[in-house]
Structure formats: structure tokens, C-alpha cells
């Protein structure tokens, strides 16, 4: 049996790959956030992943995959702040005989780079999901754009950076709700972003 870890892309159904749909269609049970599950109305036995029960549900998904094909949906790409890492840890700790197959996808970070015409090899890419934000202080002054997947609102991240010595006039961009109809890209400064209002589905770029 196979545990599919399926990347769902940045949000728009236009970015769902045929491979992702095939994996979901072949699975007896599909786990994912409400937003991710909405992209796959064909999913059998859908199970909602919530932040409060994430580890419990991922453990259940891994155990079920011993005897049936299971898909776990991962927003963006599973290998970048996705569920690949925690699922590997769970399967290893429980010594489960489960075959993992990752279905990669376009992440919001990739879309952000494309929108701003930033080549991948000209930028530093950082995720703060599960990392200390203080790390960025050492990264952001190397003369390259720093693309950040923040763990909090961009306004709070900008405030943190300014508090720790970053120039409020530093040029930045906030890419919000990428690929959705209400996508918004704001090119501004750290100070103005700190004082602005943004949602949680954002990528922050520091130039």
C-alpha cells in the first residue's frame, strides 16, 4: 500500500497537477486542511486536518497506509514547510512498513519569485515555520533577495526585524494570496509593512 504525500500547489485549482489528482483518486482515505480538501471534491473518505490535532491525524494516516492507499494533502510543495518531514518522523518512530510517494507541486514561494522576476539562484529562501526568526538577521544582509515564508503576519515579522536593527526604509515586497482572484503584491518598505494590514497567506521578500 502507498502513502501519497500530495502537493496541492499555492491555492488555485489551476495549479493542481494530473499526478496529484490521480493519487487522490486512487486513495481510500484522504487527509488535508479544509482549504486543501476543497480542491479535491473527488476525494474518498475525506478527513480534515486541524492545527490542534495535526500529529494525531498524521499518525492515523500513516497507520492506515499499512493496509490501504492513503493521501495526505500538503499545501504548496510537501518538501517545503509541508508534511513530508513530520510524516517521515512518525513512520520511522513507529517502525511502520509504509511506502511513501511524494507528489511535488508549485509552492507559493515559487510563484512569488516568478511574479517578482527573481531567479532562484539569485535569492536566499527561508521558512520560519518551526524556526527562530532571529536567524534572518544574519541572512538578509548578504546582498541577495531573501524570500521568506513567515510563521506570522508580515507586519509582525517586519516589526521584529526593525526592532532587531533592520532599516525601516529597507525595500521589501509582500505577495498575498498568490494565484487567487484577489491576489495582491505590495512593493514597499519594512516600516510601511510593519504599519500595514495583511492576511496570513503571504510571502515576504526583502531586497
Protein backbone atom coordinates (compact mmCIF):
# COMPACT_ATOMS: atom_id res chain seq x y z
CA UNK A 1 0.00 0.00 0.00
CA UNK A 2 1.10 3.59 -0.61
CA UNK A 3 1.04 6.76 1.46
CA UNK A 4 0.83 9.59 -1.06
CA UNK A 5 2.04 12.96 0.18
CA UNK A 6 0.36 15.23 -2.32
CA UNK A 7 1.38 18.81 -3.00
CA UNK A 8 -1.71 20.91 -3.68
CA UNK A 9 0.06 23.99 -5.04
CA UNK A 10 -0.31 27.63 -3.99
CA UNK A 11 -4.11 27.71 -3.85
CA UNK A 12 -5.72 28.00 -7.26
CA UNK A 13 -7.10 24.77 -8.76
CA UNK A 14 -5.28 25.74 -11.97
CA UNK A 15 -2.05 24.59 -10.28
CA UNK A 16 -3.25 21.09 -9.35
CA UNK A 17 -1.26 18.54 -11.36
CA UNK A 18 -2.74 15.45 -13.03
CA UNK A 19 -0.41 13.36 -10.86
CA UNK A 20 -1.96 14.89 -7.73
CA UNK A 21 -5.49 14.13 -8.91
CA UNK A 22 -4.52 10.58 -9.84
CA UNK A 23 -3.04 9.96 -6.39
CA UNK A 24 -6.10 11.32 -4.61
CA UNK A 25 -8.49 9.38 -6.86
CA UNK A 26 -6.67 6.12 -6.12
CA UNK A 27 -6.71 6.62 -2.34
CA UNK A 28 -9.27 5.10 0.02
CA UNK A 29 -8.83 7.91 2.55
CA UNK A 30 -7.65 11.49 2.05
CA UNK A 31 -6.38 13.79 4.81
CA UNK A 32 -5.98 17.55 4.39
CA UNK A 33 -6.92 21.01 5.58
CA UNK A 34 -10.40 22.22 4.67
CA UNK A 35 -8.88 24.54 2.07
CA UNK A 36 -6.89 21.70 0.51
CA UNK A 37 -9.81 19.24 0.53
CA UNK A 38 -11.98 21.77 -1.30
CA UNK A 39 -9.62 21.41 -4.26
CA UNK A 40 -10.40 17.68 -4.49
CA UNK A 41 -14.16 17.10 -4.45
CA UNK A 42 -13.47 13.59 -5.76
CA UNK A 43 -11.65 12.61 -2.52
CA UNK A 44 -12.90 9.44 -0.82
CA UNK A 45 -13.40 9.40 2.96
CA UNK A 46 -12.03 12.94 3.49
CA UNK A 47 -10.54 13.65 6.94
CA UNK A 48 -9.91 17.25 8.00
CA UNK A 49 -6.50 18.16 9.43
CA UNK A 50 -6.60 20.90 12.06
CA UNK A 51 -3.61 22.55 13.71
CA UNK A 52 -4.68 21.21 17.11
CA UNK A 53 -4.80 17.55 16.06
CA UNK A 54 -2.19 17.53 13.30
CA UNK A 55 0.16 14.97 14.85
CA UNK A 56 -2.70 12.69 15.85
CA UNK A 57 -4.24 12.73 12.36
CA UNK A 58 -0.89 12.28 10.59
CA UNK A 59 -0.21 9.29 12.83
CA UNK A 60 -3.59 7.84 11.89
CA UNK A 61 -2.86 8.42 8.19
CA UNK A 62 0.46 6.59 8.49
CA UNK A 63 -1.13 3.64 10.29
CA UNK A 64 -3.97 3.37 7.76
CA UNK A 65 -1.44 3.34 4.92
CA UNK A 66 -0.17 -0.04 6.13
CA UNK A 67 -3.32 -1.65 4.72
CA UNK A 68 -4.72 0.81 2.16
CA UNK A 69 -3.70 3.64 -0.16
CA UNK A 70 -3.90 6.96 1.67
CA UNK A 71 -3.28 10.54 0.52
CA UNK A 72 -2.20 13.40 2.77
CA UNK A 73 -2.61 16.80 1.14
CA UNK A 74 0.14 19.33 1.71
CA UNK A 75 -0.35 22.99 0.78
CA UNK A 76 2.31 24.14 -1.66
CA UNK A 77 5.07 21.56 -2.03
CA UNK A 78 5.31 18.78 0.60
CA UNK A 79 9.07 19.21 0.95
CA UNK A 80 8.99 22.90 1.86
CA UNK A 81 7.28 23.57 5.21
CA UNK A 82 4.98 20.69 4.31
CA UNK A 83 4.01 17.37 5.87
CA UNK A 84 6.83 15.26 4.42
CA UNK A 85 9.14 15.82 7.38
CA UNK A 86 6.63 15.05 10.18
CA UNK A 87 5.27 12.00 8.33
CA UNK A 88 8.76 10.56 7.84
CA UNK A 89 9.42 11.09 11.55
CA UNK A 90 6.16 9.39 12.56
CA UNK A 91 6.68 6.39 10.28
CA UNK A 92 10.25 5.96 11.50
CA UNK A 93 9.35 6.25 15.19
CA UNK A 94 6.52 3.71 14.87
CA UNK A 95 8.56 1.37 12.62
CA UNK A 96 5.70 1.19 10.12
CA UNK A 97 6.10 -0.70 6.86
CA UNK A 98 4.74 2.05 4.63
CA UNK A 99 5.78 3.04 1.13
CA UNK A 100 5.87 6.83 0.70
CA UNK A 101 5.37 8.51 -2.64
CA UNK A 102 5.69 12.30 -2.82
CA UNK A 103 3.76 14.21 -5.47
CA UNK A 104 5.60 17.56 -5.80
CA UNK A 105 3.86 20.83 -6.60
CA UNK A 106 4.41 24.54 -7.16
CA UNK A 107 4.81 26.41 -3.87
CA UNK A 108 3.79 29.97 -3.08
CA UNK A 109 7.50 30.79 -2.81
CA UNK A 110 7.99 29.76 -6.44
CA UNK A 111 5.02 31.85 -7.54
CA UNK A 112 6.37 34.81 -5.56
CA UNK A 113 9.75 34.54 -7.28
CA UNK A 114 8.05 34.33 -10.67
CA UNK A 115 5.84 37.35 -10.04
CA UNK A 116 8.84 39.46 -8.96
CA UNK A 117 11.15 38.09 -11.70
CA UNK A 118 13.65 36.74 -9.17
CA UNK A 119 15.83 33.83 -10.41
CA UNK A 120 16.06 31.03 -7.84
CA UNK A 121 19.86 31.04 -7.82
CA UNK A 122 19.94 34.77 -7.07
CA UNK A 123 17.95 34.51 -3.82
CA UNK A 124 18.02 33.04 -0.33
CA UNK A 125 14.86 31.15 0.59
CA UNK A 126 13.90 30.84 4.24
CA UNK A 127 10.96 29.34 6.07
CA UNK A 128 10.23 30.26 9.66
CA UNK A 129 7.69 27.52 10.24
CA UNK A 130 9.33 25.89 13.23
CA UNK A 131 12.47 28.06 13.12
CA UNK A 132 13.71 31.02 15.12
CA UNK A 133 13.11 34.34 13.39
CA UNK A 134 16.40 35.66 14.70
CA UNK A 135 18.16 33.57 12.04
CA UNK A 136 17.11 36.04 9.36
CA UNK A 137 19.22 38.85 10.80
CA UNK A 138 22.36 37.02 9.64
CA UNK A 139 20.88 36.11 6.25
CA UNK A 140 19.27 39.30 5.00
CA UNK A 141 22.42 41.41 4.65
CA UNK A 142 24.28 39.30 2.08
CA UNK A 143 23.32 41.38 -0.96
CA UNK A 144 20.76 38.88 -2.28
CA UNK A 145 16.95 38.99 -2.15
CA UNK A 146 15.65 36.99 0.81
CA UNK A 147 12.34 35.21 0.20
CA UNK A 148 10.63 34.40 3.48
CA UNK A 149 7.71 32.11 4.22
CA UNK A 150 6.81 33.69 7.58
CA UNK A 151 5.27 31.89 10.53
CA UNK A 152 3.30 35.01 11.44
CA UNK A 153 1.73 38.05 9.79
CA UNK A 154 4.21 40.00 7.60
CA UNK A 155 3.51 43.12 9.68
CA UNK A 156 4.69 41.32 12.81
CA UNK A 157 7.75 39.95 11.03
CA UNK A 158 8.64 43.44 9.76
CA UNK A 159 8.24 44.83 13.28
CA UNK A 160 10.50 42.12 14.67
CA UNK A 161 13.21 42.87 12.10
CA UNK A 162 13.10 46.62 12.75
CA UNK A 163 13.24 46.02 16.49
CA UNK A 164 16.38 43.96 15.91
CA UNK A 165 18.19 46.59 13.88
CA UNK A 166 16.83 46.37 10.34
CA UNK A 167 16.44 49.66 8.45
CA UNK A 168 12.74 50.69 8.33
CA UNK A 169 13.46 52.04 4.83
CA UNK A 170 14.65 48.65 3.55
CA UNK A 171 12.85 47.77 0.31
CA UNK A 172 10.50 44.80 0.56
CA UNK A 173 7.58 43.15 -1.21
CA UNK A 174 4.61 41.29 0.22
CA UNK A 175 2.90 38.75 -2.03
CA UNK A 176 -0.52 37.95 -0.61
CA UNK A 177 -3.00 35.20 -1.62
CA UNK A 178 -0.95 34.23 -4.65
CA UNK A 179 -2.89 32.66 -7.57
CA UNK A 180 -6.26 33.59 -6.03
CA UNK A 181 -8.54 36.10 -7.80
CA UNK A 182 -7.79 38.68 -5.09
CA UNK A 183 -4.00 38.23 -5.29
CA UNK A 184 -2.16 41.32 -4.09
CA UNK A 185 1.50 42.29 -4.43
CA UNK A 186 2.68 45.27 -2.40
CA UNK A 187 6.16 46.71 -3.00
CA UNK A 188 7.03 48.94 -0.08
CA UNK A 189 9.43 49.32 2.86
CA UNK A 190 9.82 47.42 6.11
CA UNK A 191 8.42 50.36 8.05
CA UNK A 192 5.29 50.63 5.94
CA UNK A 193 4.73 46.87 6.02
CA UNK A 194 5.05 46.94 9.80
CA UNK A 195 2.25 49.51 9.91
CA UNK A 196 0.14 47.81 7.22
CA UNK A 197 -2.53 45.13 7.30
CA UNK A 198 -2.03 41.76 5.66
CA UNK A 199 -3.54 38.31 5.84
CA UNK A 200 -1.74 35.13 6.83
CA UNK A 201 -1.33 33.72 3.30
CA UNK A 202 1.72 35.82 2.41
CA UNK A 203 5.29 35.57 1.24
CA UNK A 204 7.69 38.35 2.28
CA UNK A 205 10.69 39.39 0.17
CA UNK A 206 13.49 41.58 1.49
CA UNK A 207 15.70 43.22 -1.14
